[in-house]
């Protein structure tokens, strides 16, 4: 509503997109280095994230 909190209506299309994003994040977290962020530098973490995302996309 206007004061924050839950939206007053249920939007199935928005929920479907959110569900896809949450499932993708769950699959990314199966990779230990991504879930715990072992990398000290942001560019190394971004590279690992890109690599894992590409592998997940290819295997889908």
C-alpha atoms as a PDB file:
ATOM      1  CA  UNK A   1       0.000   0.000   0.000  1.00  0.00           C
ATOM      2  CA  UNK A   2       0.951   3.635   0.357  1.00  0.00           C
ATOM      3  CA  UNK A   3       2.666   3.058   3.705  1.00  0.00           C
ATOM      4  CA  UNK A   4       4.917   0.245   2.464  1.00  0.00           C
ATOM      5  CA  UNK A   5       4.639  -3.423   3.237  1.00  0.00           C
ATOM      6  CA  UNK A   6       2.928  -5.911   0.986  1.00  0.00           C
ATOM      7  CA  UNK A   7       1.426  -4.748  -2.281  1.00  0.00           C
ATOM      8  CA  UNK A   8      -2.382  -4.566  -2.173  1.00  0.00           C
ATOM      9  CA  UNK A   9      -2.789  -6.810  -5.240  1.00  0.00           C
ATOM     10  CA  UNK A  10      -1.116  -9.934  -6.565  1.00  0.00           C
ATOM     11  CA  UNK A  11       0.554  -9.592  -9.954  1.00  0.00           C
ATOM     12  CA  UNK A  12       1.191 -13.067 -11.429  1.00  0.00           C
ATOM     13  CA  UNK A  13       3.549 -11.792 -14.152  1.00  0.00           C
ATOM     14  CA  UNK A  14       5.711  -9.956 -11.632  1.00  0.00           C
ATOM     15  CA  UNK A  15       5.741 -12.993  -9.345  1.00  0.00           C
ATOM     16  CA  UNK A  16       6.795 -15.256 -12.231  1.00  0.00           C
ATOM     17  CA  UNK A  17       9.767 -13.012 -13.075  1.00  0.00           C
ATOM     18  CA  UNK A  18      10.774 -12.780  -9.415  1.00  0.00           C
ATOM     19  CA  UNK A  19      10.598 -16.558  -9.080  1.00  0.00           C
ATOM     20  CA  UNK A  20      12.937 -17.001 -12.056  1.00  0.00           C
ATOM     21  CA  UNK A  21      15.464 -14.607 -10.521  1.00  0.00           C
ATOM     22  CA  UNK A  22      15.314 -16.314  -7.117  1.00  0.00           C
ATOM     23  CA  UNK A  23      15.808 -19.755  -8.660  1.00  0.00           C
ATOM     24  CA  UNK A  24      18.759 -18.442 -10.682  1.00  0.00           C
ATOM     25  CA  UNK A  25      20.388 -17.031  -7.544  1.00  0.00           C
ATOM     26  CA  UNK A  26      19.821 -20.367  -5.815  1.00  0.00           C
ATOM     27  CA  UNK A  27      21.589 -22.195  -8.645  1.00  0.00           C
ATOM     28  CA  UNK A  28      24.472 -19.727  -8.568  1.00  0.00           C
ATOM     29  CA  UNK A  29      24.900 -20.286  -4.834  1.00  0.00           C
ATOM     30  CA  UNK A  30      25.509 -23.981  -5.461  1.00  0.00           C
ATOM     31  CA  UNK A  31      28.984 -22.895  -6.535  1.00  0.00           C
ATOM     32  CA  UNK A  32      30.997 -22.530  -3.338  1.00  0.00           C
ATOM     33  CA  UNK A  33      33.168 -19.635  -4.506  1.00  0.00           C
ATOM     34  CA  UNK A  34      30.109 -17.607  -5.478  1.00  0.00           C
ATOM     35  CA  UNK A  35      28.169 -18.345  -2.296  1.00  0.00           C
ATOM     36  CA  UNK A  36      31.011 -17.471   0.078  1.00  0.00           C
ATOM     37  CA  UNK A  37      32.818 -14.889  -2.048  1.00  0.00           C
ATOM     38  CA  UNK A  38      36.348 -16.125  -1.555  1.00  0.00           C
ATOM     39  CA  UNK A  39      37.732 -13.606  -4.040  1.00  0.00           C
ATOM     40  CA  UNK A  40      39.150 -10.436  -2.559  1.00  0.00           C
ATOM     41  CA  UNK A  41      38.863  -8.336  -5.693  1.00  0.00           C
ATOM     42  CA  UNK A  42      35.518  -7.397  -7.199  1.00  0.00           C
ATOM     43  CA  UNK A  43      36.756  -8.049 -10.738  1.00  0.00           C
ATOM     44  CA  UNK A  44      37.686 -11.644  -9.857  1.00  0.00           C
ATOM     45  CA  UNK A  45      34.287 -12.215  -8.279  1.00  0.00           C
ATOM     46  CA  UNK A  46      32.583 -10.704 -11.335  1.00  0.00           C
ATOM     47  CA  UNK A  47      34.635 -12.965 -13.608  1.00  0.00           C
ATOM     48  CA  UNK A  48      33.646 -16.045 -11.590  1.00  0.00           C
ATOM     49  CA  UNK A  49      30.020 -14.955 -11.631  1.00  0.00           C
ATOM     50  CA  UNK A  50      30.147 -14.490 -15.407  1.00  0.00           C
ATOM     51  CA  UNK A  51      31.783 -17.886 -15.900  1.00  0.00           C
ATOM     52  CA  UNK A  52      29.283 -19.733 -13.714  1.00  0.00           C
ATOM     53  CA  UNK A  53      26.346 -17.901 -15.312  1.00  0.00           C
ATOM     54  CA  UNK A  54      27.585 -18.876 -18.750  1.00  0.00           C
ATOM     55  CA  UNK A  55      27.986 -22.511 -17.718  1.00  0.00           C
ATOM     56  CA  UNK A  56      24.485 -22.579 -16.261  1.00  0.00           C
ATOM     57  CA  UNK A  57      23.067 -20.971 -19.390  1.00  0.00           C
ATOM     58  CA  UNK A  58      24.831 -23.462 -21.692  1.00  0.00           C
ATOM     59  CA  UNK A  59      23.683 -26.467 -19.643  1.00  0.00           C
ATOM     60  CA  UNK A  60      20.062 -25.349 -19.520  1.00  0.00           C
END
